[in-house]
């Protein structure tokens, strides 16, 4: 069974798309959909085993993966060398999806400087380094599209202040890069997922699992999202259909940013619920059953 994308077949035919973080989670789903739409995929991350698994799945489904590369994306020389190797071996990079990252829960008062720096480097510095090198080595001459995977930082991020700071920086970086690189024909946008039902939820402390299950009460659409619903937002922003969109943040969060109600409005039970899940290899988190 192939990926059931809502976009037309061949949308990214003859394009090479680079996906750091494509070995798991949202990045894996995004890589599958873009490959199903005709893209030639290049994957990168820290663990070859995870990257190889995604590549094998894509090729088994009839897609094409040009290569898998391991690198420490927080290290400037490694990133510079990584992009050089990709461009030299595979030619022009038409699009970049920054989907790598990682964080851990911690109160600000308990954070060490090493912990703070590690998350900022994971979720901001790595995005900057990869984007800058792809721009310098390829897109400044040829144009292209960059989509960053962020997180909602606008009301703070109690319990993960280091991640909130990194994501706020990513939002500003997205806007700045979009302005500075527009003249070269490079668009830079950001997708902000909400609570998405991927196996990443299983990595949170067990004490948080019940809250994660009940979070739907705060979401106007009253459910967790699917990886395919995030991927669809990425596909749109990567495509020529979004040719006049840059510096934008597109939320795929079920409306949680707005809140589900107020002291004047008690939301009724949901009905007519619609869900899009085109990812045929989706892995549901254990905590959601």
C-alpha atoms as a PDB file:
ATOM      1  CA  UNK A   1       0.000   0.000   0.000  1.00  0.00           C
ATOM      2  CA  UNK A   2       1.573   3.357  -1.026  1.00  0.00           C
ATOM      3  CA  UNK A   3       1.437   6.676   0.781  1.00  0.00           C
ATOM      4  CA  UNK A   4      -2.021   8.148   0.188  1.00  0.00           C
ATOM      5  CA  UNK A   5      -1.123  11.796  -0.383  1.00  0.00           C
ATOM      6  CA  UNK A   6      -3.782  14.355  -1.211  1.00  0.00           C
ATOM      7  CA  UNK A   7      -1.442  16.083  -3.661  1.00  0.00           C
ATOM      8  CA  UNK A   8      -1.087  15.229  -7.331  1.00  0.00           C
ATOM      9  CA  UNK A   9       1.382  12.514  -8.340  1.00  0.00           C
ATOM     10  CA  UNK A  10       4.714  13.784  -9.620  1.00  0.00           C
ATOM     11  CA  UNK A  11       4.456  17.111  -7.795  1.00  0.00           C
ATOM     12  CA  UNK A  12       8.186  16.993  -6.965  1.00  0.00           C
ATOM     13  CA  UNK A  13       9.403  15.004  -9.966  1.00  0.00           C
ATOM     14  CA  UNK A  14      13.073  15.660 -10.847  1.00  0.00           C
ATOM     15  CA  UNK A  15      13.647  17.500  -7.551  1.00  0.00           C
ATOM     16  CA  UNK A  16      16.203  16.570  -4.908  1.00  0.00           C
ATOM     17  CA  UNK A  17      14.963  17.233  -1.388  1.00  0.00           C
ATOM     18  CA  UNK A  18      17.188  17.103   1.676  1.00  0.00           C
ATOM     19  CA  UNK A  19      15.642  16.054   5.013  1.00  0.00           C
ATOM     20  CA  UNK A  20      17.835  16.196   8.124  1.00  0.00           C
ATOM     21  CA  UNK A  21      15.968  14.255  10.799  1.00  0.00           C
ATOM     22  CA  UNK A  22      14.253  12.014   8.257  1.00  0.00           C
ATOM     23  CA  UNK A  23      15.027   8.855  10.192  1.00  0.00           C
ATOM     24  CA  UNK A  24      12.065   9.013  12.542  1.00  0.00           C
ATOM     25  CA  UNK A  25       9.000  10.845  13.801  1.00  0.00           C
ATOM     26  CA  UNK A  26       7.612  13.613  11.630  1.00  0.00           C
ATOM     27  CA  UNK A  27      10.701  13.635   9.422  1.00  0.00           C
ATOM     28  CA  UNK A  28      10.153  10.001   8.454  1.00  0.00           C
ATOM     29  CA  UNK A  29       6.554  10.677   7.441  1.00  0.00           C
ATOM     30  CA  UNK A  30       7.533  13.795   5.483  1.00  0.00           C
ATOM     31  CA  UNK A  31      10.248  11.870   3.654  1.00  0.00           C
ATOM     32  CA  UNK A  32       7.740   9.166   2.701  1.00  0.00           C
ATOM     33  CA  UNK A  33       5.202  11.635   1.318  1.00  0.00           C
ATOM     34  CA  UNK A  34       7.724  13.689  -0.652  1.00  0.00           C
ATOM     35  CA  UNK A  35       9.175  10.495  -2.129  1.00  0.00           C
ATOM     36  CA  UNK A  36       5.673   9.311  -3.028  1.00  0.00           C
ATOM     37  CA  UNK A  37       5.232  12.589  -4.919  1.00  0.00           C
ATOM     38  CA  UNK A  38       8.286  11.944  -7.069  1.00  0.00           C
ATOM     39  CA  UNK A  39      11.111  13.595  -5.119  1.00  0.00           C
ATOM     40  CA  UNK A  40      14.594  12.171  -4.889  1.00  0.00           C
ATOM     41  CA  UNK A  41      15.315  12.091  -1.165  1.00  0.00           C
ATOM     42  CA  UNK A  42      18.536  12.675   0.752  1.00  0.00           C
ATOM     43  CA  UNK A  43      18.433  11.823   4.461  1.00  0.00           C
ATOM     44  CA  UNK A  44      20.738  12.877   7.263  1.00  0.00           C
ATOM     45  CA  UNK A  45      20.927  12.406  11.010  1.00  0.00           C
ATOM     46  CA  UNK A  46      22.985  10.956  13.829  1.00  0.00           C
ATOM     47  CA  UNK A  47      21.975   7.286  13.533  1.00  0.00           C
ATOM     48  CA  UNK A  48      22.491   5.378  10.295  1.00  0.00           C
ATOM     49  CA  UNK A  49      20.250   2.536  11.450  1.00  0.00           C
ATOM     50  CA  UNK A  50      17.204   4.823  11.598  1.00  0.00           C
ATOM     51  CA  UNK A  51      18.047   6.513   8.309  1.00  0.00           C
ATOM     52  CA  UNK A  52      18.561   3.176   6.573  1.00  0.00           C
ATOM     53  CA  UNK A  53      15.212   1.942   7.837  1.00  0.00           C
ATOM     54  CA  UNK A  54      13.409   4.948   6.353  1.00  0.00           C
ATOM     55  CA  UNK A  55      15.319   4.570   3.094  1.00  0.00           C
ATOM     56  CA  UNK A  56      14.484   0.878   2.825  1.00  0.00           C
ATOM     57  CA  UNK A  57      10.793   1.606   3.453  1.00  0.00           C
ATOM     58  CA  UNK A  58      10.694   4.329   0.807  1.00  0.00           C
ATOM     59  CA  UNK A  59      12.422   2.204  -1.805  1.00  0.00           C
ATOM     60  CA  UNK A  60      10.188  -0.776  -1.003  1.00  0.00           C
ATOM     61  CA  UNK A  61       7.229   1.525  -1.716  1.00  0.00           C
ATOM     62  CA  UNK A  62       8.689   2.540  -5.087  1.00  0.00           C
ATOM     63  CA  UNK A  63      10.353   5.808  -4.063  1.00  0.00           C
ATOM     64  CA  UNK A  64      13.943   6.878  -4.526  1.00  0.00           C
ATOM     65  CA  UNK A  65      16.523   7.715  -1.854  1.00  0.00           C
ATOM     66  CA  UNK A  66      19.801   9.057  -3.211  1.00  0.00           C
ATOM     67  CA  UNK A  67      21.722   8.640   0.013  1.00  0.00           C
ATOM     68  CA  UNK A  68      21.831   8.573   3.802  1.00  0.00           C
ATOM     69  CA  UNK A  69      24.443  10.566   5.689  1.00  0.00           C
ATOM     70  CA  UNK A  70      25.379  10.698   9.354  1.00  0.00           C
ATOM     71  CA  UNK A  71      26.670  13.928  10.860  1.00  0.00           C
ATOM     72  CA  UNK A  72      26.536  15.956  14.031  1.00  0.00           C
ATOM     73  CA  UNK A  73      24.277  18.750  12.830  1.00  0.00           C
ATOM     74  CA  UNK A  74      25.357  21.024  15.688  1.00  0.00           C
ATOM     75  CA  UNK A  75      28.965  20.977  14.494  1.00  0.00           C
ATOM     76  CA  UNK A  76      29.859  23.608  11.892  1.00  0.00           C
ATOM     77  CA  UNK A  77      32.694  21.764  10.087  1.00  0.00           C
ATOM     78  CA  UNK A  78      30.629  18.577   9.891  1.00  0.00           C
ATOM     79  CA  UNK A  79      27.620  20.405   8.459  1.00  0.00           C
ATOM     80  CA  UNK A  80      29.747  22.256   5.912  1.00  0.00           C
ATOM     81  CA  UNK A  81      31.335  18.981   4.818  1.00  0.00           C
ATOM     82  CA  UNK A  82      27.956  17.196   4.766  1.00  0.00           C
ATOM     83  CA  UNK A  83      26.361  19.714   2.402  1.00  0.00           C
ATOM     84  CA  UNK A  84      29.473  19.740   0.216  1.00  0.00           C
ATOM     85  CA  UNK A  85      29.318  15.957  -0.116  1.00  0.00           C
ATOM     86  CA  UNK A  86      25.615  16.028  -0.981  1.00  0.00           C
ATOM     87  CA  UNK A  87      25.928  18.751  -3.611  1.00  0.00           C
ATOM     88  CA  UNK A  88      29.036  17.165  -5.120  1.00  0.00           C
ATOM     89  CA  UNK A  89      27.487  13.701  -5.358  1.00  0.00           C
ATOM     90  CA  UNK A  90      23.826  14.469  -6.065  1.00  0.00           C
ATOM     91  CA  UNK A  91      23.782  17.949  -7.580  1.00  0.00           C
ATOM     92  CA  UNK A  92      21.375  20.752  -6.812  1.00  0.00           C
ATOM     93  CA  UNK A  93      19.278  20.678  -3.636  1.00  0.00           C
ATOM     94  CA  UNK A  94      15.843  21.968  -4.606  1.00  0.00           C
ATOM     95  CA  UNK A  95      14.334  21.904  -1.127  1.00  0.00           C
ATOM     96  CA  UNK A  96      15.308  21.486   2.513  1.00  0.00           C
ATOM     97  CA  UNK A  97      13.090  20.281   5.365  1.00  0.00           C
ATOM     98  CA  UNK A  98      14.728  20.820   8.749  1.00  0.00           C
ATOM     99  CA  UNK A  99      13.109  18.116  10.884  1.00  0.00           C
ATOM    100  CA  UNK A 100      15.956  17.183  13.235  1.00  0.00           C
ATOM    101  CA  UNK A 101      15.921  18.186  16.891  1.00  0.00           C
ATOM    102  CA  UNK A 102      15.348  17.000  20.390  1.00  0.00           C
ATOM    103  CA  UNK A 103      14.534  18.195  23.888  1.00  0.00           C
ATOM    104  CA  UNK A 104      13.816  16.985  27.397  1.00  0.00           C
ATOM    105  CA  UNK A 105      11.521  18.280  30.140  1.00  0.00           C
ATOM    106  CA  UNK A 106      13.057  20.387  32.905  1.00  0.00           C
ATOM    107  CA  UNK A 107      12.152  23.377  35.035  1.00  0.00           C
ATOM    108  CA  UNK A 108      14.307  26.437  34.466  1.00  0.00           C
ATOM    109  CA  UNK A 109      15.573  26.352  38.050  1.00  0.00           C
ATOM    110  CA  UNK A 110      16.842  22.814  37.515  1.00  0.00           C
ATOM    111  CA  UNK A 111      18.498  23.382  34.131  1.00  0.00           C
ATOM    112  CA  UNK A 112      22.253  23.154  33.820  1.00  0.00           C
ATOM    113  CA  UNK A 113      24.053  25.314  31.312  1.00  0.00           C
ATOM    114  CA  UNK A 114      24.986  22.174  29.395  1.00  0.00           C
ATOM    115  CA  UNK A 115      21.324  21.141  29.199  1.00  0.00           C
ATOM    116  CA  UNK A 116      20.284  24.615  28.087  1.00  0.00           C
ATOM    117  CA  UNK A 117      22.960  24.781  25.413  1.00  0.00           C
ATOM    118  CA  UNK A 118      22.286  21.249  24.168  1.00  0.00           C
ATOM    119  CA  UNK A 119      18.638  21.982  23.376  1.00  0.00           C
ATOM    120  CA  UNK A 120      19.385  25.363  21.792  1.00  0.00           C
ATOM    121  CA  UNK A 121      22.000  23.686  19.637  1.00  0.00           C
ATOM    122  CA  UNK A 122      19.606  20.855  18.712  1.00  0.00           C
ATOM    123  CA  UNK A 123      16.599  22.998  17.849  1.00  0.00           C
ATOM    124  CA  UNK A 124      18.098  26.264  16.643  1.00  0.00           C
ATOM    125  CA  UNK A 125      21.817  26.160  15.900  1.00  0.00           C
ATOM    126  CA  UNK A 126      21.573  23.002  13.787  1.00  0.00           C
ATOM    127  CA  UNK A 127      18.758  24.537  11.721  1.00  0.00           C
ATOM    128  CA  UNK A 128      20.835  27.669  11.175  1.00  0.00           C
ATOM    129  CA  UNK A 129      23.961  25.752  10.165  1.00  0.00           C
ATOM    130  CA  UNK A 130      22.203  23.422   7.720  1.00  0.00           C
ATOM    131  CA  UNK A 131      20.125  26.218   6.177  1.00  0.00           C
ATOM    132  CA  UNK A 132      23.117  28.538   5.832  1.00  0.00           C
ATOM    133  CA  UNK A 133      25.252  25.904   4.143  1.00  0.00           C
ATOM    134  CA  UNK A 134      22.493  24.809   1.763  1.00  0.00           C
ATOM    135  CA  UNK A 135      21.964  28.463   0.870  1.00  0.00           C
ATOM    136  CA  UNK A 136      25.666  29.231   0.430  1.00  0.00           C
ATOM    137  CA  UNK A 137      26.538  26.116  -1.536  1.00  0.00           C
ATOM    138  CA  UNK A 138      23.433  25.778  -3.693  1.00  0.00           C
ATOM    139  CA  UNK A 139      20.329  27.901  -3.220  1.00  0.00           C
ATOM    140  CA  UNK A 140      21.965  31.319  -3.479  1.00  0.00           C
ATOM    141  CA  UNK A 141      22.608  30.492  -7.131  1.00  0.00           C
ATOM    142  CA  UNK A 142      19.628  28.274  -7.934  1.00  0.00           C
ATOM    143  CA  UNK A 143      16.803  29.279  -5.562  1.00  0.00           C
ATOM    144  CA  UNK A 144      14.766  26.800  -3.563  1.00  0.00           C
ATOM    145  CA  UNK A 145      12.437  26.261  -0.634  1.00  0.00           C
ATOM    146  CA  UNK A 146      13.195  25.684   3.045  1.00  0.00           C
ATOM    147  CA  UNK A 147      10.672  24.511   5.637  1.00  0.00           C
ATOM    148  CA  UNK A 148      11.555  24.374   9.326  1.00  0.00           C
ATOM    149  CA  UNK A 149       9.650  22.193  11.786  1.00  0.00           C
ATOM    150  CA  UNK A 150       9.104  24.297  14.897  1.00  0.00           C
ATOM    151  CA  UNK A 151       6.916  24.301  18.001  1.00  0.00           C
ATOM    152  CA  UNK A 152       4.480  26.740  19.608  1.00  0.00           C
ATOM    153  CA  UNK A 153       6.496  29.102  21.785  1.00  0.00           C
ATOM    154  CA  UNK A 154       4.214  32.125  21.854  1.00  0.00           C
ATOM    155  CA  UNK A 155       2.917  31.689  25.400  1.00  0.00           C
ATOM    156  CA  UNK A 156       6.115  30.382  26.897  1.00  0.00           C
ATOM    157  CA  UNK A 157       6.862  26.719  27.435  1.00  0.00           C
ATOM    158  CA  UNK A 158       6.672  25.994  31.146  1.00  0.00           C
ATOM    159  CA  UNK A 159       8.562  22.804  31.905  1.00  0.00           C
ATOM    160  CA  UNK A 160      10.727  23.147  28.775  1.00  0.00           C
ATOM    161  CA  UNK A 161      11.967  26.725  28.775  1.00  0.00           C
ATOM    162  CA  UNK A 162      15.120  25.800  26.889  1.00  0.00           C
ATOM    163  CA  UNK A 163      13.024  24.379  24.049  1.00  0.00           C
ATOM    164  CA  UNK A 164      10.723  27.415  24.067  1.00  0.00           C
ATOM    165  CA  UNK A 165      13.706  29.725  23.736  1.00  0.00           C
ATOM    166  CA  UNK A 166      15.090  27.672  20.856  1.00  0.00           C
ATOM    167  CA  UNK A 167      11.751  27.610  19.020  1.00  0.00           C
ATOM    168  CA  UNK A 168      11.253  31.342  19.487  1.00  0.00           C
ATOM    169  CA  UNK A 169      14.689  31.839  17.975  1.00  0.00           C
ATOM    170  CA  UNK A 170      13.779  29.541  15.098  1.00  0.00           C
ATOM    171  CA  UNK A 171      10.689  31.620  14.391  1.00  0.00           C
ATOM    172  CA  UNK A 172      12.779  34.772  14.189  1.00  0.00           C
ATOM    173  CA  UNK A 173      15.441  33.038  12.124  1.00  0.00           C
ATOM    174  CA  UNK A 174      12.770  31.887   9.668  1.00  0.00           C
ATOM    175  CA  UNK A 175      11.497  35.444   9.184  1.00  0.00           C
ATOM    176  CA  UNK A 176      14.987  36.917   8.851  1.00  0.00           C
ATOM    177  CA  UNK A 177      16.234  34.300   6.391  1.00  0.00           C
ATOM    178  CA  UNK A 178      13.037  34.688   4.352  1.00  0.00           C
ATOM    179  CA  UNK A 179      13.787  38.406   3.944  1.00  0.00           C
ATOM    180  CA  UNK A 180      17.515  38.124   3.327  1.00  0.00           C
ATOM    181  CA  UNK A 181      17.265  35.244   0.861  1.00  0.00           C
ATOM    182  CA  UNK A 182      14.145  36.265  -1.068  1.00  0.00           C
ATOM    183  CA  UNK A 183      16.104  38.017  -3.808  1.00  0.00           C
ATOM    184  CA  UNK A 184      17.831  34.712  -4.586  1.00  0.00           C
ATOM    185  CA  UNK A 185      14.456  33.025  -5.074  1.00  0.00           C
ATOM    186  CA  UNK A 186      14.598  31.179  -1.766  1.00  0.00           C
ATOM    187  CA  UNK A 187      11.472  30.881   0.356  1.00  0.00           C
ATOM    188  CA  UNK A 188      11.750  30.055   4.071  1.00  0.00           C
ATOM    189  CA  UNK A 189       8.729  29.014   6.126  1.00  0.00           C
ATOM    190  CA  UNK A 190       7.936  27.185   9.345  1.00  0.00           C
ATOM    191  CA  UNK A 191       5.352  24.537  10.248  1.00  0.00           C
ATOM    192  CA  UNK A 192       4.278  24.433  13.891  1.00  0.00           C
ATOM    193  CA  UNK A 193       2.797  21.075  14.918  1.00  0.00           C
ATOM    194  CA  UNK A 194       0.557  20.667  17.924  1.00  0.00           C
ATOM    195  CA  UNK A 195       0.114  17.423  19.847  1.00  0.00           C
ATOM    196  CA  UNK A 196       0.724  14.812  17.172  1.00  0.00           C
ATOM    197  CA  UNK A 197       0.166  11.076  17.697  1.00  0.00           C
ATOM    198  CA  UNK A 198       3.665   9.813  16.945  1.00  0.00           C
ATOM    199  CA  UNK A 199       5.877   7.534  18.990  1.00  0.00           C
ATOM    200  CA  UNK A 200       7.659  10.643  20.239  1.00  0.00           C
ATOM    201  CA  UNK A 201       4.925  10.959  22.869  1.00  0.00           C
ATOM    202  CA  UNK A 202       6.138   7.718  24.451  1.00  0.00           C
ATOM    203  CA  UNK A 203       9.443   9.361  25.355  1.00  0.00           C
ATOM    204  CA  UNK A 204       7.873  11.762  27.831  1.00  0.00           C
ATOM    205  CA  UNK A 205       7.973  10.812  31.548  1.00  0.00           C
ATOM    206  CA  UNK A 206       5.245   8.404  32.606  1.00  0.00           C
ATOM    207  CA  UNK A 207       3.934  11.042  35.015  1.00  0.00           C
ATOM    208  CA  UNK A 208       2.931  13.132  31.973  1.00  0.00           C
ATOM    209  CA  UNK A 209       1.127  10.397  30.050  1.00  0.00           C
ATOM    210  CA  UNK A 210      -2.349  10.987  31.423  1.00  0.00           C
ATOM    211  CA  UNK A 211      -2.052  14.715  30.736  1.00  0.00           C
ATOM    212  CA  UNK A 212      -0.981  13.921  27.178  1.00  0.00           C
ATOM    213  CA  UNK A 213      -4.029  11.678  26.773  1.00  0.00           C
ATOM    214  CA  UNK A 214      -6.368  14.346  28.148  1.00  0.00           C
ATOM    215  CA  UNK A 215      -4.805  17.257  26.248  1.00  0.00           C
ATOM    216  CA  UNK A 216      -7.580  16.922  23.663  1.00  0.00           C
ATOM    217  CA  UNK A 217      -9.895  18.781  26.055  1.00  0.00           C
ATOM    218  CA  UNK A 218      -7.848  21.903  25.318  1.00  0.00           C
ATOM    219  CA  UNK A 219      -7.940  21.408  21.541  1.00  0.00           C
ATOM    220  CA  UNK A 220     -10.943  22.830  19.635  1.00  0.00           C
ATOM    221  CA  UNK A 221     -10.889  19.869  17.237  1.00  0.00           C
ATOM    222  CA  UNK A 222     -10.751  17.570  20.291  1.00  0.00           C
ATOM    223  CA  UNK A 223      -8.155  15.078  19.082  1.00  0.00           C
ATOM    224  CA  UNK A 224      -4.465  14.513  18.531  1.00  0.00           C
ATOM    225  CA  UNK A 225      -3.155  15.209  15.075  1.00  0.00           C
ATOM    226  CA  UNK A 226      -1.561  12.746  12.684  1.00  0.00           C
ATOM    227  CA  UNK A 227       1.913  12.932  11.187  1.00  0.00           C
ATOM    228  CA  UNK A 228       0.313  13.036   7.738  1.00  0.00           C
ATOM    229  CA  UNK A 229      -1.549  16.226   8.650  1.00  0.00           C
ATOM    230  CA  UNK A 230       1.762  17.901   9.495  1.00  0.00           C
ATOM    231  CA  UNK A 231       3.412  16.497   6.384  1.00  0.00           C
ATOM    232  CA  UNK A 232       0.633  17.913   4.191  1.00  0.00           C
ATOM    233  CA  UNK A 233       1.419  21.399   5.496  1.00  0.00           C
ATOM    234  CA  UNK A 234       5.096  20.891   4.690  1.00  0.00           C
ATOM    235  CA  UNK A 235       4.307  19.624   1.185  1.00  0.00           C
ATOM    236  CA  UNK A 236       2.185  22.685   0.444  1.00  0.00           C
ATOM    237  CA  UNK A 237       4.873  25.119   1.606  1.00  0.00           C
ATOM    238  CA  UNK A 238       7.573  23.249  -0.319  1.00  0.00           C
ATOM    239  CA  UNK A 239       5.555  23.299  -3.524  1.00  0.00           C
ATOM    240  CA  UNK A 240       5.138  25.957  -6.206  1.00  0.00           C
ATOM    241  CA  UNK A 241       1.557  26.431  -4.996  1.00  0.00           C
ATOM    242  CA  UNK A 242       3.115  28.421  -2.139  1.00  0.00           C
ATOM    243  CA  UNK A 243       5.320  30.487  -4.447  1.00  0.00           C
ATOM    244  CA  UNK A 244       4.095  33.755  -2.871  1.00  0.00           C
ATOM    245  CA  UNK A 245       4.445  32.573   0.733  1.00  0.00           C
ATOM    246  CA  UNK A 246       7.642  33.171   2.684  1.00  0.00           C
ATOM    247  CA  UNK A 247       8.435  34.024   6.280  1.00  0.00           C
ATOM    248  CA  UNK A 248       5.169  32.376   7.348  1.00  0.00           C
ATOM    249  CA  UNK A 249       4.287  30.101  10.244  1.00  0.00           C
ATOM    250  CA  UNK A 250       1.637  27.508   9.448  1.00  0.00           C
ATOM    251  CA  UNK A 251       0.061  25.849  12.469  1.00  0.00           C
ATOM    252  CA  UNK A 252      -1.075  22.240  12.320  1.00  0.00           C
ATOM    253  CA  UNK A 253      -2.341  22.078  15.883  1.00  0.00           C
ATOM    254  CA  UNK A 254      -6.105  21.555  15.882  1.00  0.00           C
ATOM    255  CA  UNK A 255      -6.564  25.135  17.066  1.00  0.00           C
ATOM    256  CA  UNK A 256      -5.001  24.651  20.510  1.00  0.00           C
ATOM    257  CA  UNK A 257      -3.214  27.977  20.182  1.00  0.00           C
ATOM    258  CA  UNK A 258      -6.622  29.697  20.387  1.00  0.00           C
ATOM    259  CA  UNK A 259      -7.904  27.617  23.299  1.00  0.00           C
ATOM    260  CA  UNK A 260     -11.029  25.457  23.284  1.00  0.00           C
ATOM    261  CA  UNK A 261     -13.338  27.750  25.201  1.00  0.00           C
ATOM    262  CA  UNK A 262     -13.728  30.627  27.635  1.00  0.00           C
ATOM    263  CA  UNK A 263     -15.799  31.648  30.639  1.00  0.00           C
ATOM    264  CA  UNK A 264     -18.524  32.568  28.143  1.00  0.00           C
ATOM    265  CA  UNK A 265     -18.253  29.498  25.947  1.00  0.00           C
ATOM    266  CA  UNK A 266     -18.277  25.852  26.983  1.00  0.00           C
ATOM    267  CA  UNK A 267     -17.528  23.755  23.899  1.00  0.00           C
ATOM    268  CA  UNK A 268     -20.046  21.025  23.071  1.00  0.00           C
ATOM    269  CA  UNK A 269     -19.053  17.456  22.351  1.00  0.00           C
ATOM    270  CA  UNK A 270     -17.438  17.163  18.898  1.00  0.00           C
ATOM    271  CA  UNK A 271     -19.250  15.737  15.907  1.00  0.00           C
ATOM    272  CA  UNK A 272     -18.539  15.405  12.193  1.00  0.00           C
ATOM    273  CA  UNK A 273     -14.880  14.763  13.044  1.00  0.00           C
ATOM    274  CA  UNK A 274     -12.591  14.455  10.047  1.00  0.00           C
ATOM    275  CA  UNK A 275      -9.081  12.999  10.181  1.00  0.00           C
ATOM    276  CA  UNK A 276      -6.489  12.764   7.423  1.00  0.00           C
ATOM    277  CA  UNK A 277      -4.008   9.925   7.742  1.00  0.00           C
ATOM    278  CA  UNK A 278      -2.368   9.088   4.466  1.00  0.00           C
ATOM    279  CA  UNK A 279       0.750   7.601   6.049  1.00  0.00           C
ATOM    280  CA  UNK A 280       0.472   3.880   5.446  1.00  0.00           C
ATOM    281  CA  UNK A 281       3.375   3.097   7.796  1.00  0.00           C
ATOM    282  CA  UNK A 282       2.204   5.181  10.740  1.00  0.00           C
ATOM    283  CA  UNK A 283       3.253   3.935  14.184  1.00  0.00           C
ATOM    284  CA  UNK A 284       0.850   4.949  16.910  1.00  0.00           C
ATOM    285  CA  UNK A 285       2.263   5.860  20.348  1.00  0.00           C
ATOM    286  CA  UNK A 286       1.677   3.279  23.046  1.00  0.00           C
ATOM    287  CA  UNK A 287       0.373   5.826  25.527  1.00  0.00           C
ATOM    288  CA  UNK A 288      -2.642   6.503  23.279  1.00  0.00           C
ATOM    289  CA  UNK A 289      -3.507   2.829  22.969  1.00  0.00           C
END
